[in-house]
Amino acid sequence: MTLAVDGVLRPTTKPDIDNLVKGIKDSLSKVLGYDDSQITELVARKLYSDNPRAEVTIEW
């Protein structure tokens, strides 16, 4: 295992995490029909991965 795969070493390159989150929020608002102001909590992490992806969990 490497430090990157273990989550110890984090990516500090572009894209910025706030831009990644904005793209996900904008996409979900069109699909779910909500306004960004309805979000009350947000946790975001940018990690290295052998399987790059975005994981989204929505709780009502």
C-alpha atoms as a PDB file:
ATOM      1  CA  MET A   1       0.000   0.000   0.000  1.00  0.00           C
ATOM      2  CA  THR A   2       1.084   3.554  -0.627  1.00  0.00           C
ATOM      3  CA  LEU A   3       0.448   6.702   1.372  1.00  0.00           C
ATOM      4  CA  ALA A   4      -1.807   8.002  -1.410  1.00  0.00           C
ATOM      5  CA  VAL A   5      -4.004   4.888  -1.558  1.00  0.00           C
ATOM      6  CA  ASP A   6      -4.165   4.749   2.251  1.00  0.00           C
ATOM      7  CA  GLY A   7      -5.510   8.321   2.340  1.00  0.00           C
ATOM      8  CA  VAL A   8      -2.517   9.726   4.199  1.00  0.00           C
ATOM      9  CA  LEU A   9      -1.257  11.713   1.216  1.00  0.00           C
ATOM     10  CA  ARG A  10      -3.945  14.017  -0.178  1.00  0.00           C
ATOM     11  CA  PRO A  11      -4.101  15.599  -3.647  1.00  0.00           C
ATOM     12  CA  THR A  12      -3.443  19.330  -3.629  1.00  0.00           C
ATOM     13  CA  THR A  13      -3.713  19.837  -7.373  1.00  0.00           C
ATOM     14  CA  LYS A  14      -6.552  21.243  -9.438  1.00  0.00           C
ATOM     15  CA  PRO A  15      -9.490  20.975  -9.626  1.00  0.00           C
ATOM     16  CA  ASP A  16     -10.200  22.719  -6.333  1.00  0.00           C
ATOM     17  CA  ILE A  17     -12.554  20.828  -4.042  1.00  0.00           C
ATOM     18  CA  ASP A  18     -15.040  23.719  -3.949  1.00  0.00           C
ATOM     19  CA  ASN A  19     -15.332  23.578  -7.747  1.00  0.00           C
ATOM     20  CA  LEU A  20     -15.935  19.818  -7.617  1.00  0.00           C
ATOM     21  CA  VAL A  21     -18.653  20.293  -4.999  1.00  0.00           C
ATOM     22  CA  LYS A  22     -20.277  23.119  -6.966  1.00  0.00           C
ATOM     23  CA  GLY A  23     -20.576  20.900 -10.044  1.00  0.00           C
ATOM     24  CA  ILE A  24     -22.207  18.127  -8.019  1.00  0.00           C
ATOM     25  CA  LYS A  25     -24.597  20.552  -6.260  1.00  0.00           C
ATOM     26  CA  ASP A  26     -25.616  22.185  -9.541  1.00  0.00           C
ATOM     27  CA  SER A  27     -26.249  18.802 -11.169  1.00  0.00           C
ATOM     28  CA  LEU A  28     -28.285  17.484  -8.249  1.00  0.00           C
ATOM     29  CA  SER A  29     -30.386  20.639  -8.014  1.00  0.00           C
ATOM     30  CA  LYS A  30     -31.535  20.070 -11.592  1.00  0.00           C
ATOM     31  CA  VAL A  31     -32.339  16.403 -10.963  1.00  0.00           C
ATOM     32  CA  LEU A  32     -33.926  16.738  -7.507  1.00  0.00           C
ATOM     33  CA  GLY A  33     -35.385  20.224  -7.909  1.00  0.00           C
ATOM     34  CA  TYR A  34     -34.004  21.808  -4.748  1.00  0.00           C
ATOM     35  CA  ASP A  35     -32.310  25.108  -4.009  1.00  0.00           C
ATOM     36  CA  ASP A  36     -28.712  25.231  -2.693  1.00  0.00           C
ATOM     37  CA  SER A  37     -29.953  27.182   0.337  1.00  0.00           C
ATOM     38  CA  GLN A  38     -31.677  23.988   1.556  1.00  0.00           C
ATOM     39  CA  ILE A  39     -28.321  22.299   2.207  1.00  0.00           C
ATOM     40  CA  THR A  40     -27.574  22.459   5.918  1.00  0.00           C
ATOM     41  CA  GLU A  41     -24.506  20.225   6.124  1.00  0.00           C
ATOM     42  CA  LEU A  42     -21.792  19.277   3.672  1.00  0.00           C
ATOM     43  CA  VAL A  43     -18.734  17.032   4.067  1.00  0.00           C
ATOM     44  CA  ALA A  44     -16.266  16.887   1.182  1.00  0.00           C
ATOM     45  CA  ARG A  45     -12.938  15.107   0.793  1.00  0.00           C
ATOM     46  CA  LYS A  46     -10.593  14.843  -2.159  1.00  0.00           C
ATOM     47  CA  LEU A  47      -8.605  11.599  -2.127  1.00  0.00           C
ATOM     48  CA  TYR A  48      -6.388   9.615  -4.446  1.00  0.00           C
ATOM     49  CA  SER A  49      -8.009   6.412  -5.671  1.00  0.00           C
ATOM     50  CA  ASP A  50      -7.468   3.489  -7.990  1.00  0.00           C
ATOM     51  CA  ASN A  51     -11.188   3.888  -8.777  1.00  0.00           C
ATOM     52  CA  PRO A  52     -11.838   7.666  -9.281  1.00  0.00           C
ATOM     53  CA  ARG A  53     -15.442   8.662  -8.549  1.00  0.00           C
ATOM     54  CA  ALA A  54     -17.756  10.998  -6.724  1.00  0.00           C
ATOM     55  CA  GLU A  55     -19.894   9.466  -3.991  1.00  0.00           C
ATOM     56  CA  VAL A  56     -23.014  11.338  -2.925  1.00  0.00           C
ATOM     57  CA  THR A  57     -25.248  10.471   0.032  1.00  0.00           C
ATOM     58  CA  ILE A  58     -28.493  12.385   0.460  1.00  0.00           C
ATOM     59  CA  GLU A  59     -30.479  12.251   3.683  1.00  0.00           C
ATOM     60  CA  TRP A  60     -33.865  13.917   4.007  1.00  0.00           C
END
